[in-house]
């Protein structure tokens, strides 16, 4: 049975291929979602094929809309974010190469959403997500200067420990 994970209140992924080299999912984004924070993957490439609906993407500061049939490749280390600002649900095939521990990261996000506070759009609060981000820096980093991101995660991580988040 395929594994489905809820990453935010508006975004789910269903795993279709899971190897160390390739993680492939079918993702869906609800209509009208807000833009997530810009992030990057230091050693992973991503590729998307939009199956239905439309996705707004920002890659290195350039914003555009993808429609059904459009593809997008995001090289490792490239700041980006993606959301559905359209009026209907959007679906896409999403590949991450190499997979590394991305699925573990998503499982942690899914589990945390059930027990930790979320803000608008069902996105984990900064304190709630900080321990997960710190643990998965090889797969996911906020698109901030490295010293600023490390400092922010240290401060937020301390608050998370006080609240009992692991």
N, C-alpha and C. Protein backbone atom coordinates (compact mmCIF):
# COMPACT_ATOMS: atom_id res chain seq x y z
N UNK A 1 0.85 -1.18 0.00
CA UNK A 1 0.00 0.00 0.00
C UNK A 1 0.90 1.24 0.00
N UNK A 2 0.64 2.21 -0.88
CA UNK A 2 1.47 3.41 -0.95
C UNK A 2 1.38 4.23 0.34
N UNK A 3 2.49 4.86 0.69
CA UNK A 3 2.56 5.70 1.88
C UNK A 3 2.25 7.14 1.47
N UNK A 4 1.30 7.76 2.17
CA UNK A 4 0.95 9.16 1.93
C UNK A 4 1.27 9.97 3.17
N UNK A 5 1.94 11.10 2.97
CA UNK A 5 2.35 11.96 4.07
C UNK A 5 1.81 13.37 3.85
N UNK A 6 1.38 13.99 4.93
CA UNK A 6 0.87 15.37 4.89
C UNK A 6 2.01 16.29 5.33
N UNK A 7 2.57 17.05 4.38
CA UNK A 7 3.72 17.91 4.69
C UNK A 7 3.29 19.25 5.29
N UNK A 8 2.18 19.78 4.80
CA UNK A 8 1.57 21.01 5.33
C UNK A 8 0.06 20.79 5.29
N UNK A 9 -0.68 21.79 5.68
CA UNK A 9 -2.14 21.68 5.60
C UNK A 9 -2.65 21.64 4.17
N UNK A 10 -1.77 22.00 3.20
CA UNK A 10 -2.18 22.06 1.80
C UNK A 10 -1.39 21.15 0.88
N UNK A 11 -0.45 20.38 1.41
CA UNK A 11 0.46 19.61 0.55
C UNK A 11 0.63 18.19 1.06
N UNK A 12 0.37 17.22 0.17
CA UNK A 12 0.59 15.81 0.50
C UNK A 12 1.48 15.17 -0.56
N UNK A 13 2.16 14.11 -0.15
CA UNK A 13 2.96 13.33 -1.09
C UNK A 13 2.63 11.85 -0.89
N UNK A 14 2.53 11.13 -1.99
CA UNK A 14 2.34 9.68 -1.96
C UNK A 14 3.55 9.06 -2.63
N UNK A 15 4.26 8.21 -1.89
CA UNK A 15 5.51 7.63 -2.35
C UNK A 15 5.22 6.59 -3.43
N UNK A 16 5.93 6.71 -4.57
CA UNK A 16 5.80 5.73 -5.65
C UNK A 16 7.10 4.96 -5.87
N UNK A 17 8.26 5.57 -5.60
CA UNK A 17 9.57 4.90 -5.69
C UNK A 17 10.41 5.38 -4.51
N UNK A 18 11.01 4.43 -3.80
CA UNK A 18 11.86 4.78 -2.66
C UNK A 18 13.11 3.92 -2.66
N UNK A 19 14.21 4.47 -3.22
CA UNK A 19 15.52 3.83 -3.15
C UNK A 19 16.48 4.90 -2.64
N UNK A 20 17.72 4.51 -2.32
CA UNK A 20 18.68 5.52 -1.85
C UNK A 20 18.95 6.54 -2.96
N UNK A 21 18.93 6.10 -4.19
CA UNK A 21 19.23 7.00 -5.32
C UNK A 21 18.05 7.84 -5.77
N UNK A 22 16.82 7.32 -5.65
CA UNK A 22 15.65 8.03 -6.18
C UNK A 22 14.48 7.95 -5.22
N UNK A 23 13.93 9.10 -4.91
CA UNK A 23 12.65 9.17 -4.23
C UNK A 23 11.70 9.84 -5.21
N UNK A 24 10.62 9.12 -5.56
CA UNK A 24 9.61 9.69 -6.45
C UNK A 24 8.28 9.64 -5.75
N UNK A 25 7.56 10.75 -5.84
CA UNK A 25 6.25 10.84 -5.22
C UNK A 25 5.28 11.48 -6.19
N UNK A 26 3.99 11.25 -5.94
CA UNK A 26 2.97 12.05 -6.58
C UNK A 26 2.50 13.01 -5.50
N UNK A 27 2.66 14.29 -5.78
CA UNK A 27 2.34 15.32 -4.80
C UNK A 27 1.06 16.02 -5.21
N UNK A 28 0.34 16.51 -4.21
CA UNK A 28 -0.83 17.34 -4.50
C UNK A 28 -0.83 18.55 -3.57
N UNK A 29 -1.26 19.66 -4.13
CA UNK A 29 -1.34 20.93 -3.42
C UNK A 29 -2.77 21.42 -3.54
N UNK A 30 -3.40 21.75 -2.42
CA UNK A 30 -4.75 22.32 -2.45
C UNK A 30 -4.72 23.70 -3.09
N UNK A 31 -5.86 24.11 -3.60
CA UNK A 31 -5.98 25.43 -4.22
C UNK A 31 -5.76 26.53 -3.21
N UNK A 32 -5.16 27.62 -3.68
CA UNK A 32 -5.05 28.82 -2.88
C UNK A 32 -4.07 28.78 -1.73
N UNK A 33 -3.11 27.89 -1.77
CA UNK A 33 -2.14 27.79 -0.68
C UNK A 33 -1.20 28.99 -0.68
N UNK A 34 -0.65 29.27 0.48
CA UNK A 34 0.33 30.35 0.62
C UNK A 34 1.72 29.83 0.26
N UNK A 35 2.59 30.72 -0.14
CA UNK A 35 3.97 30.36 -0.50
C UNK A 35 4.73 29.91 0.74
N UNK A 36 5.46 28.79 0.65
CA UNK A 36 6.30 28.35 1.76
C UNK A 36 7.60 29.15 1.79
N UNK A 37 8.41 28.96 2.82
CA UNK A 37 9.71 29.65 2.81
C UNK A 37 10.62 29.10 1.71
N UNK A 38 11.45 29.96 1.17
CA UNK A 38 12.43 29.51 0.18
C UNK A 38 13.43 28.59 0.87
N UNK A 39 13.84 27.55 0.14
CA UNK A 39 14.78 26.57 0.70
C UNK A 39 15.65 26.02 -0.42
N UNK A 40 16.59 25.18 -0.04
CA UNK A 40 17.44 24.53 -1.02
C UNK A 40 17.84 23.15 -0.52
N UNK A 41 18.34 22.35 -1.45
CA UNK A 41 18.81 21.01 -1.14
C UNK A 41 20.29 21.00 -1.53
N UNK A 42 21.21 20.93 -0.53
CA UNK A 42 22.63 21.11 -0.82
C UNK A 42 23.24 20.07 -1.76
N UNK A 43 22.71 18.85 -1.77
CA UNK A 43 23.34 17.81 -2.59
C UNK A 43 22.34 16.96 -3.36
N UNK A 44 21.16 17.53 -3.62
CA UNK A 44 20.12 16.79 -4.32
C UNK A 44 19.53 17.65 -5.45
N UNK A 45 19.20 16.99 -6.55
CA UNK A 45 18.47 17.61 -7.65
C UNK A 45 17.01 17.21 -7.54
N UNK A 46 16.13 18.09 -7.99
CA UNK A 46 14.70 17.77 -8.00
C UNK A 46 14.16 17.98 -9.41
N UNK A 47 13.15 17.20 -9.76
CA UNK A 47 12.48 17.34 -11.05
C UNK A 47 10.98 17.17 -10.83
N UNK A 48 10.20 18.01 -11.49
CA UNK A 48 8.74 18.00 -11.36
C UNK A 48 8.10 17.91 -12.74
N UNK A 49 7.01 17.16 -12.82
CA UNK A 49 6.15 17.12 -14.00
C UNK A 49 4.74 17.42 -13.51
N UNK A 50 4.16 18.53 -13.93
CA UNK A 50 2.82 18.91 -13.50
C UNK A 50 1.81 18.04 -14.24
N UNK A 51 0.96 17.37 -13.47
CA UNK A 51 -0.04 16.47 -14.04
C UNK A 51 -1.39 17.17 -14.24
N UNK A 52 -1.74 18.04 -13.29
CA UNK A 52 -3.00 18.80 -13.42
C UNK A 52 -2.92 20.04 -12.55
N UNK A 53 -3.72 21.03 -12.92
CA UNK A 53 -3.73 22.29 -12.18
C UNK A 53 -2.53 23.14 -12.54
N UNK A 54 -2.20 24.04 -11.64
CA UNK A 54 -1.04 24.90 -11.88
C UNK A 54 -0.29 25.14 -10.57
N UNK A 55 1.01 25.29 -10.71
CA UNK A 55 1.88 25.54 -9.57
C UNK A 55 2.66 26.82 -9.83
N UNK A 56 2.73 27.66 -8.83
CA UNK A 56 3.58 28.83 -8.89
C UNK A 56 4.93 28.42 -8.31
N UNK A 57 5.99 28.77 -9.02
CA UNK A 57 7.33 28.42 -8.55
C UNK A 57 8.20 29.67 -8.55
N UNK A 58 9.06 29.73 -7.57
CA UNK A 58 10.08 30.78 -7.52
C UNK A 58 11.41 30.07 -7.42
N UNK A 59 12.27 30.29 -8.41
CA UNK A 59 13.59 29.68 -8.45
C UNK A 59 14.61 30.80 -8.58
N UNK A 60 15.49 30.89 -7.59
CA UNK A 60 16.49 31.96 -7.56
C UNK A 60 15.88 33.34 -7.80
N UNK A 61 14.71 33.58 -7.21
CA UNK A 61 14.07 34.89 -7.31
C UNK A 61 13.19 35.10 -8.52
N UNK A 62 13.20 34.17 -9.50
CA UNK A 62 12.38 34.27 -10.70
C UNK A 62 11.09 33.49 -10.50
N UNK A 63 9.93 34.16 -10.60
CA UNK A 63 8.63 33.52 -10.37
C UNK A 63 7.92 33.25 -11.69
N UNK A 64 7.33 32.05 -11.79
CA UNK A 64 6.54 31.71 -12.97
C UNK A 64 5.48 30.67 -12.59
N UNK A 65 4.55 30.44 -13.50
CA UNK A 65 3.47 29.47 -13.27
C UNK A 65 3.65 28.28 -14.20
N UNK A 66 3.59 27.10 -13.63
CA UNK A 66 3.65 25.86 -14.40
C UNK A 66 2.24 25.31 -14.54
N UNK A 67 1.94 24.77 -15.72
CA UNK A 67 0.63 24.16 -15.98
C UNK A 67 0.82 22.70 -16.36
N UNK A 68 -0.28 21.97 -16.45
CA UNK A 68 -0.24 20.55 -16.79
C UNK A 68 0.65 20.32 -18.02
N UNK A 69 1.57 19.36 -17.89
CA UNK A 69 2.50 19.04 -18.96
C UNK A 69 3.85 19.73 -18.83
N UNK A 70 3.92 20.80 -18.03
CA UNK A 70 5.18 21.51 -17.84
C UNK A 70 6.10 20.74 -16.91
N UNK A 71 7.40 20.89 -17.13
CA UNK A 71 8.40 20.27 -16.27
C UNK A 71 9.29 21.35 -15.67
N UNK A 72 9.93 21.00 -14.58
CA UNK A 72 10.84 21.91 -13.91
C UNK A 72 11.95 21.08 -13.28
N UNK A 73 13.19 21.48 -13.54
CA UNK A 73 14.34 20.84 -12.90
C UNK A 73 15.01 21.87 -12.01
N UNK A 74 15.30 21.45 -10.78
CA UNK A 74 15.94 22.34 -9.81
C UNK A 74 17.26 21.70 -9.40
N UNK A 75 18.37 22.28 -9.82
CA UNK A 75 19.68 21.72 -9.46
C UNK A 75 19.98 21.90 -7.98
N UNK A 76 20.79 20.99 -7.45
CA UNK A 76 21.19 21.08 -6.04
C UNK A 76 21.74 22.47 -5.73
N UNK A 77 21.46 22.93 -4.51
CA UNK A 77 21.96 24.22 -4.06
C UNK A 77 21.19 25.43 -4.57
N UNK A 78 20.09 25.23 -5.30
CA UNK A 78 19.32 26.33 -5.87
C UNK A 78 18.14 26.68 -4.97
N UNK A 79 18.07 27.93 -4.55
CA UNK A 79 16.95 28.38 -3.70
C UNK A 79 15.66 28.35 -4.50
N UNK A 80 14.61 27.80 -3.88
CA UNK A 80 13.32 27.70 -4.58
C UNK A 80 12.17 27.54 -3.58
N UNK A 81 10.98 27.70 -4.10
CA UNK A 81 9.75 27.39 -3.37
C UNK A 81 8.65 27.18 -4.38
N UNK A 82 7.63 26.43 -3.98
CA UNK A 82 6.56 26.05 -4.91
C UNK A 82 5.25 25.98 -4.13
N UNK A 83 4.17 26.48 -4.75
CA UNK A 83 2.87 26.44 -4.10
C UNK A 83 1.79 26.54 -5.18
N UNK A 84 0.57 26.26 -4.76
CA UNK A 84 -0.57 26.30 -5.68
C UNK A 84 -1.36 27.57 -5.39
N UNK A 85 -1.19 28.58 -6.22
CA UNK A 85 -1.98 29.80 -6.06
C UNK A 85 -3.20 29.77 -6.97
N UNK A 86 -3.42 28.65 -7.64
CA UNK A 86 -4.55 28.51 -8.56
C UNK A 86 -5.86 28.22 -7.84
N UNK A 87 -6.91 27.99 -8.65
CA UNK A 87 -8.26 27.80 -8.13
C UNK A 87 -8.65 26.33 -7.97
N UNK A 88 -7.81 25.40 -8.46
CA UNK A 88 -8.11 23.98 -8.34
C UNK A 88 -6.89 23.24 -7.79
N UNK A 89 -7.10 22.02 -7.35
CA UNK A 89 -6.00 21.20 -6.85
C UNK A 89 -4.96 21.00 -7.95
N UNK A 90 -3.71 21.01 -7.55
CA UNK A 90 -2.61 20.73 -8.48
C UNK A 90 -1.96 19.41 -8.08
N UNK A 91 -1.54 18.65 -9.10
CA UNK A 91 -0.82 17.39 -8.86
C UNK A 91 0.42 17.37 -9.73
N UNK A 92 1.47 16.75 -9.20
CA UNK A 92 2.71 16.64 -9.97
C UNK A 92 3.48 15.41 -9.53
N UNK A 93 4.26 14.86 -10.45
CA UNK A 93 5.26 13.87 -10.10
C UNK A 93 6.50 14.64 -9.66
N UNK A 94 7.12 14.18 -8.58
CA UNK A 94 8.24 14.90 -7.97
C UNK A 94 9.34 13.89 -7.70
N UNK A 95 10.51 14.12 -8.27
CA UNK A 95 11.66 13.23 -8.08
C UNK A 95 12.77 13.97 -7.35
N UNK A 96 13.39 13.27 -6.40
CA UNK A 96 14.55 13.79 -5.67
C UNK A 96 15.69 12.80 -5.87
N UNK A 97 16.85 13.30 -6.35
CA UNK A 97 17.99 12.45 -6.68
C UNK A 97 19.27 13.07 -6.12
N UNK A 98 20.06 12.36 -5.34
CA UNK A 98 19.74 11.10 -4.68
C UNK A 98 18.74 11.34 -3.55
N UNK A 99 18.03 10.31 -3.19
CA UNK A 99 16.98 10.45 -2.18
C UNK A 99 17.53 10.80 -0.81
N UNK A 100 18.67 10.22 -0.46
CA UNK A 100 19.25 10.39 0.87
C UNK A 100 18.18 10.11 1.93
N UNK A 101 18.01 11.01 2.90
CA UNK A 101 17.04 10.79 3.98
C UNK A 101 15.81 11.69 3.84
N UNK A 102 15.47 12.04 2.60
CA UNK A 102 14.32 12.91 2.38
C UNK A 102 13.03 12.29 2.89
N UNK A 103 12.83 11.01 2.66
CA UNK A 103 11.61 10.37 3.14
C UNK A 103 11.54 10.40 4.67
N UNK A 104 12.66 10.21 5.34
CA UNK A 104 12.68 10.32 6.81
C UNK A 104 12.30 11.74 7.24
N UNK A 105 12.82 12.74 6.51
CA UNK A 105 12.48 14.14 6.80
C UNK A 105 10.97 14.35 6.67
N UNK A 106 10.39 13.88 5.57
CA UNK A 106 8.95 14.04 5.37
C UNK A 106 8.14 13.29 6.42
N UNK A 107 8.58 12.09 6.79
CA UNK A 107 7.88 11.34 7.85
C UNK A 107 7.91 12.11 9.16
N UNK A 108 9.03 12.74 9.46
CA UNK A 108 9.14 13.53 10.69
C UNK A 108 8.20 14.73 10.63
N UNK A 109 8.11 15.38 9.48
CA UNK A 109 7.20 16.52 9.31
C UNK A 109 5.74 16.08 9.49
N UNK A 110 5.38 14.97 8.88
CA UNK A 110 4.02 14.44 8.97
C UNK A 110 3.67 14.12 10.44
N UNK A 111 4.57 13.44 11.12
CA UNK A 111 4.33 13.07 12.52
C UNK A 111 4.24 14.31 13.41
N UNK A 112 5.12 15.27 13.20
CA UNK A 112 5.13 16.48 14.02
C UNK A 112 3.85 17.30 13.84
N UNK A 113 3.30 17.30 12.65
CA UNK A 113 2.07 18.06 12.40
C UNK A 113 0.92 17.56 13.25
N UNK A 114 0.98 16.32 13.71
CA UNK A 114 -0.11 15.76 14.52
C UNK A 114 0.02 16.11 16.00
N UNK A 115 1.22 16.53 16.43
CA UNK A 115 1.43 16.74 17.86
C UNK A 115 1.99 18.12 18.22
N UNK A 116 2.41 18.88 17.23
CA UNK A 116 3.02 20.19 17.49
C UNK A 116 2.18 21.29 16.84
N UNK A 117 2.38 22.52 17.30
CA UNK A 117 1.57 23.62 16.76
C UNK A 117 1.90 23.95 15.31
N UNK A 118 0.86 24.33 14.60
CA UNK A 118 1.01 24.79 13.22
C UNK A 118 0.44 26.19 13.11
N UNK A 119 0.91 26.91 12.11
CA UNK A 119 0.40 28.25 11.84
C UNK A 119 -0.54 28.20 10.66
N UNK A 120 -0.60 29.32 9.94
CA UNK A 120 -1.47 29.41 8.76
C UNK A 120 -1.11 28.34 7.75
N UNK A 121 -2.10 27.74 7.16
CA UNK A 121 -1.88 26.74 6.13
C UNK A 121 -1.38 25.41 6.67
N UNK A 122 -1.45 25.22 7.98
CA UNK A 122 -1.01 23.95 8.55
C UNK A 122 0.49 23.73 8.49
N UNK A 123 1.24 24.82 8.41
CA UNK A 123 2.70 24.73 8.40
C UNK A 123 3.19 24.76 9.84
N UNK A 124 4.11 23.87 10.19
CA UNK A 124 4.65 23.85 11.54
C UNK A 124 5.24 25.20 11.91
N UNK A 125 5.08 25.60 13.17
CA UNK A 125 5.68 26.85 13.63
C UNK A 125 7.20 26.71 13.61
N UNK A 126 7.94 27.82 13.57
CA UNK A 126 9.40 27.74 13.55
C UNK A 126 9.99 26.93 14.71
N UNK A 127 9.45 27.10 15.92
CA UNK A 127 9.96 26.33 17.06
C UNK A 127 9.66 24.85 16.88
N UNK A 128 8.47 24.53 16.37
CA UNK A 128 8.08 23.13 16.20
C UNK A 128 8.91 22.42 15.14
N UNK A 129 9.34 23.13 14.11
CA UNK A 129 10.06 22.50 13.01
C UNK A 129 11.58 22.53 13.20
N UNK A 130 12.10 23.39 14.06
CA UNK A 130 13.54 23.58 14.19
C UNK A 130 14.33 22.29 14.42
N UNK A 131 13.91 21.40 15.34
CA UNK A 131 14.71 20.17 15.54
C UNK A 131 14.75 19.29 14.29
N UNK A 132 13.68 19.28 13.52
CA UNK A 132 13.64 18.47 12.29
C UNK A 132 14.58 19.06 11.26
N UNK A 133 14.56 20.38 11.10
CA UNK A 133 15.45 21.04 10.14
C UNK A 133 16.91 20.82 10.52
N UNK A 134 17.21 20.91 11.79
CA UNK A 134 18.60 20.73 12.23
C UNK A 134 19.08 19.31 11.93
N UNK A 135 18.22 18.33 12.16
CA UNK A 135 18.56 16.92 11.93
C UNK A 135 18.71 16.58 10.46
N UNK A 136 18.07 17.34 9.59
CA UNK A 136 18.04 17.01 8.15
C UNK A 136 18.69 18.10 7.30
N UNK A 137 19.74 18.74 7.80
CA UNK A 137 20.44 19.79 7.03
C UNK A 137 21.05 19.26 5.75
N UNK A 138 21.37 17.98 5.68
CA UNK A 138 21.94 17.43 4.45
C UNK A 138 20.90 17.38 3.33
N UNK A 139 19.62 17.35 3.70
CA UNK A 139 18.55 17.27 2.71
C UNK A 139 17.83 18.60 2.49
N UNK A 140 17.76 19.43 3.50
CA UNK A 140 16.89 20.61 3.44
C UNK A 140 17.50 21.75 4.25
N UNK A 141 17.64 22.91 3.61
CA UNK A 141 18.12 24.10 4.31
C UNK A 141 17.28 25.30 3.90
N UNK A 142 17.03 26.18 4.84
CA UNK A 142 16.36 27.42 4.51
C UNK A 142 17.29 28.27 3.65
N UNK A 143 16.74 29.04 2.74
CA UNK A 143 17.54 29.86 1.84
C UNK A 143 17.93 31.15 2.55
N UNK A 144 18.77 30.99 3.55
CA UNK A 144 19.32 32.11 4.32
C UNK A 144 20.83 31.96 4.29
N UNK A 145 21.56 33.04 4.54
CA UNK A 145 23.01 32.87 4.68
C UNK A 145 23.29 31.84 5.78
N UNK A 146 24.24 30.95 5.53
CA UNK A 146 24.51 29.83 6.44
C UNK A 146 24.68 30.26 7.90
N UNK A 147 25.45 31.31 8.21
CA UNK A 147 25.59 31.70 9.62
C UNK A 147 24.26 32.11 10.25
N UNK A 148 23.42 32.80 9.49
CA UNK A 148 22.11 33.22 10.00
C UNK A 148 21.22 32.01 10.24
N UNK A 149 21.22 31.07 9.29
CA UNK A 149 20.38 29.88 9.45
C UNK A 149 20.84 29.07 10.67
N UNK A 150 22.14 28.86 10.83
CA UNK A 150 22.64 28.11 11.98
C UNK A 150 22.27 28.78 13.30
N UNK A 151 22.40 30.11 13.35
CA UNK A 151 22.05 30.84 14.56
C UNK A 151 20.56 30.72 14.86
N UNK A 152 19.73 30.90 13.83
CA UNK A 152 18.28 30.79 14.00
C UNK A 152 17.89 29.40 14.49
N UNK A 153 18.48 28.36 13.88
CA UNK A 153 18.15 26.99 14.30
C UNK A 153 18.63 26.71 15.71
N UNK A 154 19.75 27.30 16.11
CA UNK A 154 20.24 27.10 17.48
C UNK A 154 19.27 27.73 18.49
N UNK A 155 18.85 28.95 18.23
CA UNK A 155 17.93 29.64 19.13
C UNK A 155 16.58 28.92 19.17
N UNK A 156 16.04 28.62 17.98
CA UNK A 156 14.75 27.92 17.92
C UNK A 156 14.86 26.52 18.50
N UNK A 157 16.00 25.86 18.29
CA UNK A 157 16.21 24.53 18.85
C UNK A 157 16.20 24.54 20.36
N UNK A 158 16.76 25.57 20.97
CA UNK A 158 16.72 25.70 22.43
C UNK A 158 15.28 25.83 22.91
N UNK A 159 14.50 26.66 22.24
CA UNK A 159 13.09 26.82 22.59
C UNK A 159 12.34 25.49 22.41
N UNK A 160 12.69 24.76 21.35
CA UNK A 160 12.04 23.47 21.09
C UNK A 160 12.36 22.47 22.21
N UNK A 161 13.61 22.43 22.66
CA UNK A 161 13.98 21.52 23.76
C UNK A 161 13.20 21.86 25.02
N UNK A 162 13.05 23.15 25.31
CA UNK A 162 12.29 23.59 26.48
C UNK A 162 10.86 23.08 26.40
N UNK A 163 10.30 23.08 25.19
CA UNK A 163 8.93 22.59 24.99
C UNK A 163 8.86 21.06 24.93
N UNK A 164 10.02 20.40 24.88
CA UNK A 164 10.03 18.94 24.84
C UNK A 164 9.99 18.34 23.44
N UNK A 165 10.25 19.14 22.40
CA UNK A 165 10.26 18.61 21.04
C UNK A 165 11.62 18.00 20.77
N UNK A 166 11.59 16.85 20.13
CA UNK A 166 12.85 16.16 19.79
C UNK A 166 13.07 16.17 18.30
